[in-house]
C-alpha atoms as a PDB file:
ATOM      1  CA  MET A   1      -1.096 -10.156  12.639  1.00  0.00           C
ATOM      2  CA  LEU A   2       1.871  -8.695  11.001  1.00  0.00           C
ATOM      3  CA  LYS A   3       5.158  -8.937  12.635  1.00  0.00           C
ATOM      4  CA  LEU A   4       7.950  -6.756  11.424  1.00  0.00           C
ATOM      5  CA  CYS A   5      11.520  -5.689  12.156  1.00  0.00           C
ATOM      6  CA  ALA A   6      12.485  -1.984  12.073  1.00  0.00           C
ATOM      7  CA  LEU A   7      16.307  -1.844  12.016  1.00  0.00           C
ATOM      8  CA  SER A   8      16.525   1.911  12.615  1.00  0.00           C
ATOM      9  CA  GLN A   9      14.426   5.085  13.306  1.00  0.00           C
ATOM     10  CA  PRO A  10      13.973   5.768   9.530  1.00  0.00           C
ATOM     11  CA  ASP A  11      12.577   2.161   9.395  1.00  0.00           C
ATOM     12  CA  THR A  12      10.139   3.013  12.282  1.00  0.00           C
ATOM     13  CA  GLN A  13       9.163   6.261  10.408  1.00  0.00           C
ATOM     14  CA  GLY A  14       8.522   4.359   7.299  1.00  0.00           C
ATOM     15  CA  VAL A  15       6.157   1.894   8.957  1.00  0.00           C
ATOM     16  CA  ALA A  16       4.322   4.792  10.609  1.00  0.00           C
ATOM     17  CA  ARG A  17       4.054   6.582   7.250  1.00  0.00           C
ATOM     18  CA  ALA A  18       2.892   3.586   5.443  1.00  0.00           C
ATOM     19  CA  ILE A  19       0.051   3.109   8.041  1.00  0.00           C
ATOM     20  CA  ALA A  20      -0.951   6.844   7.825  1.00  0.00           C
ATOM     21  CA  GLY A  21      -1.123   6.396   3.975  1.00  0.00           C
ATOM     22  CA  LEU A  22      -4.200   3.990   4.543  1.00  0.00           C
ATOM     23  CA  ALA A  23      -5.701   5.846   7.405  1.00  0.00           C
ATOM     24  CA  ARG A  24      -9.278   7.151   7.150  1.00  0.00           C
ATOM     25  CA  ALA A  25     -11.323   9.550   9.040  1.00  0.00           C
ATOM     26  CA  GLY A  26     -12.603   7.906  12.196  1.00  0.00           C
ATOM     27  CA  ASP A  27      -9.758   5.359  12.612  1.00  0.00           C
ATOM     28  CA  MET A  28      -8.692   4.320  16.055  1.00  0.00           C
ATOM     29  CA  ILE A  29      -4.853   3.436  16.310  1.00  0.00           C
ATOM     30  CA  VAL A  30      -3.838   1.934  19.721  1.00  0.00           C
ATOM     31  CA  LEU A  31      -0.076   1.996  20.461  1.00  0.00           C
ATOM     32  CA  ALA A  32       1.365  -0.434  22.949  1.00  0.00           C
ATOM     33  CA  GLY A  33       4.719  -0.839  24.400  1.00  0.00           C
ATOM     34  CA  GLU A  34       6.956  -0.316  27.396  1.00  0.00           C
ATOM     35  CA  MET A  35       8.346   3.101  28.345  1.00  0.00           C
ATOM     36  CA  GLY A  36      10.859   4.230  25.669  1.00  0.00           C
ATOM     37  CA  ALA A  37       9.731   1.860  22.896  1.00  0.00           C
ATOM     38  CA  GLY A  38       8.889   4.638  20.390  1.00  0.00           C
ATOM     39  CA  LYS A  39       5.195   5.277  20.646  1.00  0.00           C
ATOM     40  CA  THR A  40       5.621   9.052  20.569  1.00  0.00           C
ATOM     41  CA  PHE A  41       8.299   8.880  17.811  1.00  0.00           C
ATOM     42  CA  PHE A  42       5.888   6.657  15.867  1.00  0.00           C
ATOM     43  CA  THR A  43       3.168   9.283  16.302  1.00  0.00           C
ATOM     44  CA  GLN A  44       5.219  12.008  15.103  1.00  0.00           C
ATOM     45  CA  ALA A  45       6.048  10.248  11.775  1.00  0.00           C
ATOM     46  CA  PHE A  46       2.336   9.238  11.517  1.00  0.00           C
ATOM     47  CA  GLY A  47       1.254  12.835  12.029  1.00  0.00           C
ATOM     48  CA  THR A  48       3.741  14.267   9.728  1.00  0.00           C
ATOM     49  CA  ALA A  49       2.634  11.800   6.944  1.00  0.00           C
ATOM     50  CA  LEU A  50      -1.045  13.221   7.529  1.00  0.00           C
ATOM     51  CA  GLY A  51       0.236  16.625   7.120  1.00  0.00           C
ATOM     52  CA  VAL A  52       0.556  17.855  10.688  1.00  0.00           C
ATOM     53  CA  THR A  53       3.289  20.575  10.755  1.00  0.00           C
ATOM     54  CA  GLU A  54       3.409  21.668  14.226  1.00  0.00           C
ATOM     55  CA  PRO A  55       5.558  19.717  16.702  1.00  0.00           C
ATOM     56  CA  ILE A  56       3.808  16.534  18.203  1.00  0.00           C
ATOM     57  CA  THR A  57       4.709  16.025  21.565  1.00  0.00           C
ATOM     58  CA  SER A  58       3.763  13.424  24.302  1.00  0.00           C
ATOM     59  CA  PRO A  59       0.466  14.132  25.889  1.00  0.00           C
ATOM     60  CA  THR A  60       1.586  12.174  29.141  1.00  0.00           C
ATOM     61  CA  PHE A  61       0.388  15.010  31.479  1.00  0.00           C
ATOM     62  CA  ASN A  62      -2.492  16.496  29.447  1.00  0.00           C
ATOM     63  CA  LEU A  63      -3.721  13.146  28.260  1.00  0.00           C
ATOM     64  CA  LEU A  64      -4.738  14.688  24.876  1.00  0.00           C
ATOM     65  CA  HIS A  65      -3.343  16.890  22.220  1.00  0.00           C
ATOM     66  CA  ASN A  66      -5.072  17.731  18.972  1.00  0.00           C
ATOM     67  CA  TYR A  67      -3.384  18.551  15.683  1.00  0.00           C
ATOM     68  CA  SER A  68      -4.745  19.903  12.347  1.00  0.00           C
ATOM     69  CA  GLY A  69      -3.338  17.949   9.207  1.00  0.00           C
ATOM     70  CA  THR A  70      -3.699  18.805   5.525  1.00  0.00           C
ATOM     71  CA  ARG A  71      -5.063  15.357   4.986  1.00  0.00           C
ATOM     72  CA  LEU A  72      -6.644  14.363   8.391  1.00  0.00           C
ATOM     73  CA  SER A  73      -6.662  15.804  11.827  1.00  0.00           C
ATOM     74  CA  VAL A  74      -4.777  13.859  14.548  1.00  0.00           C
ATOM     75  CA  HIS A  75      -5.994  13.533  18.108  1.00  0.00           C
ATOM     76  CA  HIS A  76      -3.087  12.101  20.184  1.00  0.00           C
ATOM     77  CA  ALA A  77      -4.076  10.626  23.583  1.00  0.00           C
ATOM     78  CA  ASP A  78      -1.789   9.085  26.265  1.00  0.00           C
ATOM     79  CA  LEU A  79      -3.435   6.794  28.901  1.00  0.00           C
ATOM     80  CA  TYR A  80      -0.410   6.263  30.895  1.00  0.00           C
ATOM     81  CA  ARG A  81      -1.606   8.641  33.744  1.00  0.00           C
ATOM     82  CA  LEU A  82      -5.186   7.498  33.613  1.00  0.00           C
ATOM     83  CA  GLU A  83      -6.274   7.096  37.205  1.00  0.00           C
ATOM     84  CA  ARG A  84      -9.593   5.696  36.705  1.00  0.00           C
ATOM     85  CA  THR A  85     -11.559   4.268  33.814  1.00  0.00           C
ATOM     86  CA  GLY A  86     -14.166   6.931  34.047  1.00  0.00           C
ATOM     87  CA  GLU A  87     -11.525   9.402  32.961  1.00  0.00           C
ATOM     88  CA  LEU A  88     -11.479   7.465  29.390  1.00  0.00           C
ATOM     89  CA  ALA A  89     -15.076   8.574  28.772  1.00  0.00           C
ATOM     90  CA  ASP A  90     -14.234  12.242  29.714  1.00  0.00           C
ATOM     91  CA  LEU A  91     -11.491  12.391  27.073  1.00  0.00           C
ATOM     92  CA  GLY A  92     -14.291  12.104  24.622  1.00  0.00           C
ATOM     93  CA  LEU A  93     -12.209   9.941  22.161  1.00  0.00           C
ATOM     94  CA  SER A  94     -15.136   8.421  20.444  1.00  0.00           C
ATOM     95  CA  GLU A  95     -16.505  11.923  19.901  1.00  0.00           C
ATOM     96  CA  LEU A  96     -13.282  12.838  18.326  1.00  0.00           C
ATOM     97  CA  GLN A  97     -13.371   9.770  16.071  1.00  0.00           C
ATOM     98  CA  GLU A  98     -16.859  10.856  14.732  1.00  0.00           C
ATOM     99  CA  SER A  99     -15.727  14.320  14.178  1.00  0.00           C
ATOM    100  CA  GLY A 100     -13.496  12.924  11.267  1.00  0.00           C
ATOM    101  CA  GLY A 101      -9.955  12.625  12.564  1.00  0.00           C
ATOM    102  CA  VAL A 102      -7.766   9.755  13.395  1.00  0.00           C
ATOM    103  CA  VAL A 103      -7.328   9.054  17.051  1.00  0.00           C
ATOM    104  CA  ILE A 104      -3.991   7.381  17.990  1.00  0.00           C
ATOM    105  CA  VAL A 105      -3.773   6.413  21.703  1.00  0.00           C
ATOM    106  CA  GLU A 106      -0.301   5.739  23.453  1.00  0.00           C
ATOM    107  CA  TRP A 107      -0.950   3.094  26.242  1.00  0.00           C
ATOM    108  CA  GLY A 108      -4.307   2.214  24.834  1.00  0.00           C
ATOM    109  CA  ASP A 109      -3.718  -1.391  25.588  1.00  0.00           C
ATOM    110  CA  ILE A 110      -4.246  -0.673  29.234  1.00  0.00           C
ATOM    111  CA  VAL A 111      -8.100  -0.180  28.844  1.00  0.00           C
ATOM    112  CA  GLY A 112      -8.362  -3.482  27.057  1.00  0.00           C
ATOM    113  CA  ASP A 113     -11.044  -3.422  24.331  1.00  0.00           C
ATOM    114  CA  ALA A 114     -12.804  -0.348  25.865  1.00  0.00           C
ATOM    115  CA  LEU A 115     -11.525   1.590  22.803  1.00  0.00           C
ATOM    116  CA  GLY A 116     -13.409  -0.503  20.293  1.00  0.00           C
ATOM    117  CA  ASP A 117     -12.263  -1.195  16.822  1.00  0.00           C
ATOM    118  CA  ALA A 118      -8.804  -0.414  16.363  1.00  0.00           C
ATOM    119  CA  LEU A 119      -5.441  -1.105  14.729  1.00  0.00           C
ATOM    120  CA  ILE A 120      -3.138  -2.212  17.328  1.00  0.00           C
ATOM    121  CA  VAL A 121       0.558  -1.424  17.005  1.00  0.00           C
ATOM    122  CA  ARG A 122       2.877  -2.882  19.455  1.00  0.00           C
ATOM    123  CA  LEU A 123       6.396  -1.695  19.576  1.00  0.00           C
ATOM    124  CA  THR A 124       9.150  -3.571  21.424  1.00  0.00           C
ATOM    125  CA  HIS A 125      12.746  -3.053  21.978  1.00  0.00           C
ATOM    126  CA  SER A 126      15.280  -5.305  20.328  1.00  0.00           C
ATOM    127  CA  GLN A 127      16.676  -8.232  22.256  1.00  0.00           C
ATOM    128  CA  ASP A 128      20.125  -6.979  21.123  1.00  0.00           C
ATOM    129  CA  VAL A 129      21.283  -4.321  23.423  1.00  0.00           C
ATOM    130  CA  THR A 130      23.715  -3.078  20.796  1.00  0.00           C
ATOM    131  CA  ALA A 131      20.727  -2.282  18.429  1.00  0.00           C
ATOM    132  CA  THR A 132      19.244   0.692  20.382  1.00  0.00           C
ATOM    133  CA  ASP A 133      17.028   1.876  17.443  1.00  0.00           C
ATOM    134  CA  GLU A 134      15.913  -1.581  16.425  1.00  0.00           C
ATOM    135  CA  ARG A 135      12.291  -2.513  17.218  1.00  0.00           C
ATOM    136  CA  ALA A 136       9.925  -5.361  16.646  1.00  0.00           C
ATOM    137  CA  ILE A 137       6.457  -4.103  15.450  1.00  0.00           C
ATOM    138  CA  GLU A 138       3.392  -6.128  15.655  1.00  0.00           C
ATOM    139  CA  ILE A 139       0.278  -4.889  14.017  1.00  0.00           C
ATOM    140  CA  GLN A 140      -3.226  -6.494  14.389  1.00  0.00           C
ATOM    141  CA  GLY A 141      -6.711  -5.304  13.705  1.00  0.00           C
ATOM    142  CA  ARG A 142      -9.370  -5.405  16.389  1.00  0.00           C
ATOM    143  CA  GLY A 143     -13.010  -5.392  14.889  1.00  0.00           C
ATOM    144  CA  GLN A 144     -13.990  -4.532  11.407  1.00  0.00           C
ATOM    145  CA  GLN A 145     -12.275  -1.104  11.060  1.00  0.00           C
ATOM    146  CA  TRP A 146      -9.208  -2.169   9.037  1.00  0.00           C
ATOM    147  CA  ALA A 147     -10.578  -5.478   7.762  1.00  0.00           C
ATOM    148  CA  SER A 148     -11.199  -4.025   4.350  1.00  0.00           C
ATOM    149  CA  ARG A 149      -7.738  -2.611   4.146  1.00  0.00           C
ATOM    150  CA  TRP A 150      -5.720  -5.464   5.762  1.00  0.00           C
ATOM    151  CA  GLU A 151      -4.409  -6.620   2.354  1.00  0.00           C
ATOM    152  CA  LYS A 152      -3.439  -3.152   1.323  1.00  0.00           C
ATOM    153  CA  LEU A 153      -1.611  -2.593   4.731  1.00  0.00           C
ATOM    154  CA  ARG A 154       0.198  -5.950   4.323  1.00  0.00           C
ATOM    155  CA  LEU A 155       1.494  -4.959   0.915  1.00  0.00           C
ATOM    156  CA  ALA A 156       2.381  -1.411   2.067  1.00  0.00           C
ATOM    157  CA  LEU A 157       4.565  -3.048   4.699  1.00  0.00           C
ATOM    158  CA  THR A 158       6.536  -5.492   2.553  1.00  0.00           C
ATOM    159  CA  ASN A 159       9.793  -3.280   2.711  1.00  0.00           C
ATOM    160  CA  TRP A 160      10.305  -4.235   6.283  1.00  0.00           C
ATOM    161  CA  ARG A 161      11.454  -7.830   7.035  1.00  0.00           C
ATOM    162  CA  PRO A 162       9.241 -10.130   9.146  1.00  0.00           C
ATOM    163  CA  ALA A 163      10.284 -10.331  12.831  1.00  0.00           C
END
């Protein structure tokens, strides 16, 4: 597991861009963190790094938004309003993975391991209430999807101090 401290919004964007730089077609990125922790903000920076030019918005009410990027497509899901686990299958996230894009899922941690192999990114507010833009970011791989890229990811994230 990697534990980082993003002191500002540009830091959080930098972490997202570094991860996006190593993303491959078929990747699953699971974003976890409380309300307002920066999951959509992270996704916006991630998508921009993959060449998405249209505005990325939270899919809280639609559950899923799809974006074309110049490097990879981004399929952005939000499971916060998921009412039953059967709805997860209805979203077709595994089919979107197979179609060649990157699937990034906010609140993906609420379904446990149901999303399979993934890179899990947990964003947490700073304990310092005066540091409103500071986030602790924990990154871990689940399964083999990121295993071969783990060292490259660790090196790409050396600009951010450990949390």
